[in-house]
Protein backbone atom coordinates (compact mmCIF):
# COMPACT_ATOMS: atom_id res chain seq x y z
CA MET A 1 142.91 46.52 -77.59
CA ASN A 2 144.99 43.36 -77.43
CA THR A 3 148.69 44.10 -78.15
CA LYS A 4 148.93 41.44 -80.89
CA VAL A 5 145.77 42.77 -82.55
CA SER A 6 147.16 46.30 -82.35
CA TYR A 7 150.42 45.20 -84.01
CA PHE A 8 148.43 43.45 -86.74
CA TYR A 9 146.40 46.56 -87.58
CA THR A 10 149.52 48.72 -87.55
CA PHE A 11 151.27 46.35 -89.96
CA TRP A 12 148.19 46.14 -92.20
CA HIS A 13 147.85 49.94 -92.46
CA VAL A 14 151.56 50.27 -93.28
CA PHE A 15 151.21 47.59 -95.98
CA LEU A 16 148.19 49.32 -97.50
CA PHE A 17 150.01 52.67 -97.50
CA LEU A 18 153.08 51.22 -99.21
CA PHE A 19 151.01 49.31 -101.75
CA SER A 20 148.82 52.29 -102.58
CA SER A 21 151.79 54.67 -102.81
CA CYS A 22 153.47 52.37 -105.35
CA SER A 23 150.45 51.90 -107.61
CA MET A 24 147.90 54.64 -106.92
CA ALA A 25 148.64 56.62 -110.09
CA ASP A 26 148.18 53.53 -112.26
CA THR A 27 145.02 52.49 -110.41
CA ILE A 28 143.45 55.92 -110.89
CA ALA A 29 144.34 55.84 -114.58
CA ILE A 30 142.79 52.40 -114.97
CA SER A 31 139.58 53.38 -113.18
CA HIS A 32 139.23 56.58 -115.24
CA SER A 33 139.84 54.77 -118.55
CA ILE A 34 137.31 52.07 -117.72
CA LYS A 35 134.58 54.57 -116.85
CA LEU A 36 135.16 56.40 -120.12
CA ALA A 37 135.59 53.65 -122.66
CA MET A 38 135.18 50.08 -121.43
CA PRO A 39 132.04 47.94 -121.07
CA ARG A 40 132.08 45.30 -118.36
CA PRO A 41 133.89 42.24 -119.79
CA LEU A 42 131.99 38.97 -119.80
CA VAL A 43 135.16 36.84 -119.80
CA GLY A 44 138.38 37.24 -117.85
CA ILE A 45 141.35 35.20 -119.11
CA ILE A 46 144.40 34.54 -116.93
CA LEU A 47 147.39 33.20 -118.86
CA PRO A 48 150.73 31.98 -117.48
CA SER A 49 153.68 34.19 -118.32
CA SER A 50 155.58 31.17 -119.65
CA PRO A 51 155.68 29.41 -122.07
CA ASN A 52 155.46 32.41 -124.38
CA THR A 53 152.03 31.90 -125.95
CA TYR A 54 150.47 35.16 -124.76
CA ASP A 55 150.31 36.52 -128.32
CA GLN A 56 148.23 33.57 -129.46
CA MET A 57 145.39 34.90 -127.31
CA ALA A 58 146.19 38.63 -127.47
CA SER A 59 146.27 38.61 -131.29
CA LYS A 60 142.60 37.58 -131.33
CA ILE A 61 141.52 40.69 -129.40
CA LYS A 62 139.84 43.41 -131.46
CA ASN A 63 140.34 47.06 -130.48
CA PRO A 64 142.82 46.18 -127.72
CA LYS A 65 143.50 48.61 -124.88
CA ILE A 66 146.29 48.04 -122.36
CA TYR A 67 146.02 48.96 -118.69
CA LYS A 68 148.81 48.72 -116.12
CA ASP A 69 148.87 48.57 -112.36
CA GLY A 70 152.43 48.25 -111.11
CA LEU A 71 153.80 44.91 -112.31
CA PHE A 72 150.43 43.84 -113.65
CA LYS A 73 149.22 44.34 -117.22
CA PHE A 74 145.71 43.88 -118.54
CA THR A 75 144.45 43.92 -122.13
CA SER A 76 140.80 44.61 -122.89
CA GLY A 77 138.83 44.31 -126.11
CA THR A 78 136.56 41.79 -127.79
CA ILE A 79 137.04 38.24 -129.08
CA TYR A 80 134.31 37.03 -131.44
CA GLY A 81 132.36 40.10 -130.31
CA VAL A 82 132.51 39.10 -126.64
CA PRO A 83 134.05 41.70 -124.24
CA VAL A 84 137.13 40.19 -122.57
CA ILE A 85 139.92 41.18 -120.20
CA LEU A 86 143.27 39.37 -120.45
CA SER A 87 146.07 39.19 -117.87
CA SER A 88 149.30 37.32 -117.27
CA PRO A 89 150.71 37.36 -113.73
CA PRO A 90 154.53 37.51 -113.45
CA PRO A 91 156.27 35.11 -113.01
CA ILE A 92 154.77 31.67 -113.55
CA GLY A 93 154.20 29.58 -110.45
CA SER A 94 154.03 32.33 -107.81
CA PHE A 95 151.02 31.81 -105.54
CA SER A 96 151.22 35.40 -104.23
CA LEU A 97 151.47 37.15 -107.60
CA THR A 98 148.78 34.94 -109.13
CA ALA A 99 146.45 35.82 -106.25
CA ILE A 100 147.14 39.56 -106.58
CA ASP A 101 146.67 39.45 -110.35
CA THR A 102 143.34 37.61 -109.99
CA TYR A 103 142.18 40.02 -107.29
CA LEU A 104 143.01 43.10 -109.40
CA LEU A 105 141.42 41.65 -112.54
CA GLU A 106 138.18 40.79 -110.75
CA THR A 107 137.81 43.86 -108.54
CA ILE A 108 138.82 46.45 -111.15
CA PHE A 109 137.22 44.96 -114.28
CA HIS A 110 134.43 42.77 -112.78
CA PRO A 111 134.30 40.00 -115.43
CA GLY A 112 131.29 37.72 -115.49
CA PHE A 113 133.59 34.71 -115.13
CA VAL A 114 137.25 33.74 -115.42
CA ILE A 115 138.97 31.11 -117.61
CA ASP A 116 142.41 29.80 -116.62
CA PRO A 117 143.97 27.94 -119.56
CA GLY A 118 147.33 26.41 -118.70
CA THR A 119 149.65 23.39 -118.56
CA ALA A 120 150.17 20.73 -115.92
CA GLY A 121 152.16 17.63 -114.99
CA SER A 122 150.15 14.41 -114.80
CA HIS A 123 149.84 12.44 -111.56
CA LEU A 124 148.00 9.51 -113.14
CA PRO A 125 150.00 6.78 -114.93
CA ASP A 126 147.76 6.85 -118.05
CA LEU A 127 147.37 10.63 -118.30
CA SER A 128 149.95 11.84 -120.80
CA MET A 129 151.07 14.77 -122.92
CA GLY A 130 148.27 16.46 -124.85
CA ASP A 131 145.51 15.10 -122.62
CA VAL A 132 143.16 17.69 -121.13
CA VAL A 133 142.09 18.05 -117.49
CA ILE A 134 139.02 20.21 -116.93
CA GLY A 135 139.26 21.38 -113.33
CA ALA A 136 135.73 20.76 -112.08
CA ARG A 137 137.34 21.08 -108.66
CA VAL A 138 140.68 22.38 -107.42
CA VAL A 139 142.69 21.38 -104.35
CA ASN A 140 145.87 22.75 -102.79
CA PHE A 141 147.86 19.54 -102.28
CA SER A 142 150.70 21.44 -100.58
CA ASN A 143 148.38 22.48 -97.75
CA TYR A 144 149.26 19.87 -95.14
CA MET A 145 151.24 19.22 -91.99
CA THR A 146 153.31 16.11 -91.29
CA ASN A 147 153.19 14.27 -88.00
CA SER A 148 156.33 13.10 -86.17
CA LEU A 149 156.62 10.06 -88.45
CA GLY A 150 156.36 12.15 -91.62
CA LYS A 151 152.78 11.12 -92.45
CA ILE A 152 150.75 13.73 -94.32
CA VAL A 153 147.94 15.28 -92.28
CA PRO A 154 145.66 16.99 -94.83
CA GLY A 155 143.40 20.00 -94.33
CA GLN A 156 143.57 23.55 -93.10
CA PHE A 157 146.09 24.29 -90.37
CA SER A 158 143.24 25.56 -88.18
CA SER A 159 141.52 22.15 -88.05
CA LEU A 160 144.00 19.32 -87.71
CA VAL A 161 143.32 15.70 -86.84
CA THR A 162 144.33 14.39 -83.44
CA ASP A 163 147.57 12.44 -83.30
CA LYS A 164 150.26 11.62 -80.73
CA GLU A 165 151.57 15.17 -80.89
CA GLY A 166 148.29 16.49 -79.51
CA TYR A 167 146.94 18.61 -82.35
CA LYS A 168 143.40 19.93 -82.02
CA LYS A 169 140.71 17.58 -83.32
CA GLY A 170 139.13 18.81 -86.54
CA ASN A 171 138.14 18.01 -90.09
CA PRO A 172 140.93 16.03 -91.81
CA ASN A 173 139.49 16.41 -95.31
CA PRO A 174 141.16 18.53 -98.00
CA GLU A 175 139.39 21.76 -98.89
CA TYR A 176 138.17 21.52 -102.47
CA ILE A 177 136.95 24.49 -104.51
CA TYR A 178 134.42 23.77 -107.25
CA ALA A 179 133.98 25.35 -110.67
CA ALA A 180 130.56 26.40 -111.91
CA PRO A 181 128.84 23.35 -113.52
CA LYS A 182 127.80 25.41 -116.58
CA LEU A 183 131.43 26.31 -117.25
CA VAL A 184 132.51 22.67 -116.83
CA LYS A 185 129.97 21.62 -119.46
CA LEU A 186 130.98 24.44 -121.79
CA ALA A 187 134.67 23.55 -121.41
CA GLU A 188 133.88 19.90 -122.15
CA LEU A 189 132.08 20.77 -125.39
CA ALA A 190 134.88 23.12 -126.46
CA ALA A 191 137.64 20.61 -125.62
CA LYS A 192 135.96 17.88 -127.65
CA LYS A 193 135.81 20.19 -130.67
CA VAL A 194 139.43 21.37 -130.36
CA ALA A 195 141.42 18.44 -128.95
CA ARG A 196 140.76 15.60 -131.39
CA PHE A 197 144.24 14.12 -131.90
CA THR A 198 147.67 14.32 -130.28
CA PRO A 199 150.57 13.57 -132.66
CA ALA A 200 153.23 10.93 -132.04
CA ASN A 201 156.07 13.38 -131.44
CA ILE A 202 154.24 15.02 -128.53
CA LEU A 203 153.44 11.61 -127.02
CA SER A 204 157.01 10.44 -127.63
CA ALA A 205 155.63 7.24 -129.12
CA PRO A 206 155.44 5.49 -132.51
CA ALA A 207 151.78 6.51 -132.87
CA GLY A 208 149.52 9.34 -131.77
CA ARG A 209 146.03 8.98 -130.36
CA ARG A 210 142.83 10.78 -129.46
CA PRO A 211 143.44 12.71 -126.23
CA TRP A 212 141.83 11.81 -122.93
CA ILE A 213 139.56 14.69 -121.96
CA LEU A 214 139.15 14.23 -118.23
CA VAL A 215 135.96 16.21 -117.66
CA TYR A 216 135.48 15.90 -113.90
CA GLY A 217 139.09 16.56 -113.10
CA THR A 218 140.63 17.38 -109.75
CA GLN A 219 143.16 20.10 -110.53
CA GLY A 220 146.01 19.67 -108.06
CA SER A 221 147.78 22.88 -107.17
CA GLY A 222 150.69 23.59 -104.89
CA ALA A 223 153.73 25.74 -104.29
CA ALA A 224 155.84 22.56 -104.41
CA TRP A 225 156.87 20.81 -107.63
CA LEU A 226 156.67 17.11 -106.74
CA ARG A 227 159.27 14.93 -108.41
CA ASN A 228 159.29 11.76 -106.32
CA ILE A 229 157.05 8.86 -107.35
CA LYS A 230 156.35 7.69 -103.78
CA GLN A 231 155.53 11.24 -102.69
CA ILE A 232 153.24 11.77 -105.69
CA THR A 233 151.44 8.49 -105.01
CA ASN A 234 150.94 9.35 -101.33
CA SER A 235 149.64 12.81 -102.25
CA THR A 236 147.24 11.44 -104.88
CA ASN A 237 145.86 8.86 -102.42
CA ILE A 238 144.93 11.71 -100.05
CA PHE A 239 143.98 14.61 -102.30
CA HIS A 240 142.91 12.63 -105.42
CA GLU A 241 144.50 15.17 -107.77
CA ASP A 242 144.86 14.21 -111.42
CA ASP A 243 147.72 16.60 -112.11
CA GLU A 244 149.75 19.40 -110.59
CA ALA A 245 149.95 23.09 -111.43
CA GLY A 246 150.06 26.36 -109.48
CA ASN A 247 146.65 27.96 -109.88
CA TYR A 248 144.79 27.31 -106.63
CA PRO A 249 144.89 31.09 -105.91
CA ILE A 250 142.70 31.75 -108.97
CA ALA A 251 140.01 29.40 -107.64
CA LEU A 252 140.30 30.77 -104.09
CA VAL A 253 140.25 34.48 -104.96
CA SER A 254 137.44 33.96 -107.49
CA THR A 255 135.36 32.13 -104.89
CA LEU A 256 135.89 34.88 -102.32
CA ASN A 257 134.90 37.45 -104.98
CA LYS A 258 131.85 35.36 -106.00
CA THR A 259 133.20 35.13 -109.56
CA ASN A 260 132.69 31.91 -111.51
CA PHE A 261 135.90 30.28 -112.74
CA ILE A 262 137.08 27.29 -114.76
CA GLU A 263 140.60 25.85 -115.05
CA ILE A 264 141.54 24.00 -118.23
CA HIS A 265 144.99 22.41 -118.23
CA THR A 266 146.61 20.38 -120.98
CA ILE A 267 149.22 17.89 -119.79
CA SER A 268 152.74 19.02 -120.71
CA ASP A 269 154.82 16.45 -118.82
CA ALA A 270 154.46 13.15 -116.97
CA ALA A 271 155.35 13.87 -113.36
CA MET A 272 155.61 10.14 -112.61
CA ASN A 273 158.64 9.87 -114.90
CA VAL A 274 161.59 11.14 -112.90
CA PRO A 275 164.04 12.75 -112.99
CA THR A 276 162.46 15.53 -115.03
CA VAL A 277 164.69 16.58 -117.91
CA ILE A 278 164.24 20.22 -118.93
CA ASN A 279 165.24 19.81 -122.58
CA ASN A 280 163.91 20.72 -126.04
CA TYR A 281 161.22 18.03 -125.80
CA PHE A 282 160.02 19.45 -122.47
CA HIS A 283 159.69 22.94 -123.97
CA LEU A 284 158.03 21.57 -127.13
CA CYS A 285 155.37 19.82 -125.03
CA SER A 286 154.90 22.88 -122.81
CA GLU A 287 154.22 25.16 -125.76
CA TYR A 288 151.98 22.60 -127.46
CA ALA A 289 149.99 22.12 -124.24
CA GLN A 290 149.53 25.83 -123.62
CA LYS A 291 148.40 26.43 -127.20
CA ARG A 292 145.84 23.62 -126.90
CA SER A 293 144.45 25.09 -123.68
CA ASN A 294 144.32 28.54 -125.30
CA LEU A 295 142.41 27.13 -128.28
CA ILE A 296 139.88 25.53 -125.93
CA ALA A 297 139.37 28.86 -124.17
CA LEU A 298 138.92 30.60 -127.53
CA LYS A 299 136.40 27.98 -128.62
CA MET A 300 134.46 28.56 -125.39
CA ILE A 301 134.30 32.29 -126.16
CA GLN A 302 133.21 31.58 -129.73
CA MET A 303 130.42 29.31 -128.44
CA ILE A 304 129.36 31.97 -125.94
CA SER A 305 129.15 34.56 -128.72
CA ARG A 306 126.40 32.48 -130.32
CA ASP A 307 124.51 31.97 -127.06
CA HIS A 308 122.01 34.69 -126.16
CA ASN A 309 121.69 33.29 -122.62
CA ASN A 310 125.30 33.96 -121.65
CA LYS A 311 124.15 36.15 -118.75
CA ASP A 312 123.46 32.90 -116.91
CA PHE A 313 127.21 32.59 -116.34
CA ASN A 314 127.05 35.61 -114.02
CA THR A 315 125.10 33.63 -111.40
CA PHE A 316 127.70 32.31 -108.98
CA SER A 317 127.73 28.58 -108.25
CA GLY A 318 130.25 26.09 -106.97
CA GLY A 319 132.95 27.65 -104.81
CA PHE A 320 133.16 25.89 -101.46
CA TYR A 321 129.85 24.14 -102.18
CA ASP A 322 130.03 20.78 -103.98
CA PRO A 323 127.49 20.89 -106.86
CA TRP A 324 128.20 17.29 -107.91
CA SER A 325 126.95 14.01 -106.51
CA GLY A 326 128.36 10.55 -105.80
CA GLU A 327 131.88 9.43 -106.63
CA ILE A 328 132.10 11.34 -109.90
CA PHE A 329 135.63 12.63 -109.26
CA LEU A 330 137.12 9.30 -108.20
CA SER A 331 135.47 7.37 -111.02
CA SER A 332 136.71 9.92 -113.57
CA MET A 333 140.32 9.04 -112.69
CA LYS A 334 139.94 5.71 -114.50
CA PRO A 335 141.13 6.08 -118.12
CA PRO A 336 138.92 5.25 -121.11
CA GLY A 337 139.64 1.94 -122.82
CA TYR A 338 141.38 3.47 -125.84
CA VAL A 339 143.79 5.31 -123.50
CA SER A 340 144.67 2.32 -121.32
CA GLN A 341 145.18 0.12 -124.38
CA TRP A 342 147.47 2.70 -125.99
CA THR A 343 149.43 3.06 -122.73
CA LYS A 344 149.92 -0.70 -122.40
CA LYS A 345 151.32 -0.76 -125.92
CA TYR A 346 153.55 2.31 -125.88
CA GLY A 347 153.82 3.55 -122.30
CA VAL A 348 154.01 7.17 -121.15
CA LEU A 349 157.51 8.36 -121.96
CA ARG A 350 159.39 11.61 -121.52
């Protein structure tokens, strides 16, 4: 066996031993409890650990049961009669912990599909606090290499475009992951019922307005928190993301597990307005945004409870395959008239 391959397998077996030795007792307890008392949940819900709006969702769960696996906690029960499993990976923004949490939730509890309600910073000038981005596709905008001049070279590291530094020729396009079309439509209907008006204090303007529900959104996700207007503009020109958050791992792990997913993010800050000030207004908007996303997720579950064909959500679609046609994602980045008119009058302020 090749020496490098041998080292890899040795490292992997050591990692598995350490991981299992830390959490085996909890894992056995979870598996035993599920076999005894828990039906397969239809909906998995992954909440951020901050802002502190976990109770808004958890309080809706009937007959809650808590399961733990190391750092990770899961709450099962029913919402509107629908079996659910709820988790919250610690801490917010960690790609690794989010991926592990998603993997445990999906492989232990096997939900029919996963909802990720959260907050995000807008990358579009007209997209402002309280607006909703439905992540019909997700892209990791921090997955790139720069050439010698600092230009962004998008795509996976294994297939880079040719430049003067001699990288291997390959596909320069970003790797998008697509949500199931049925979940996108369901999220759209729920968002329109829940998000009908954003008040003036959240918009930091003299008047509120009806929120922009960006249905065919490109959810930008990265380990970096971009706070430079030129950098954001360059990134958006390449990856076409509408906002930025940290939940690409949910889309990736769900796709690998053949589990349908949908990401619903309410805008909590305008990333184009720099420097970012972490003040009372910032926290007010963050909590408001998370609560709005939670309410949309709850409305989706309520709508599912009335639908006798909800088993259709178990059929996997999307993932690495693009189920949409034409320029639907690029055209969706253009704001509706009522949004652009409001922005011209009041601007997007922090």
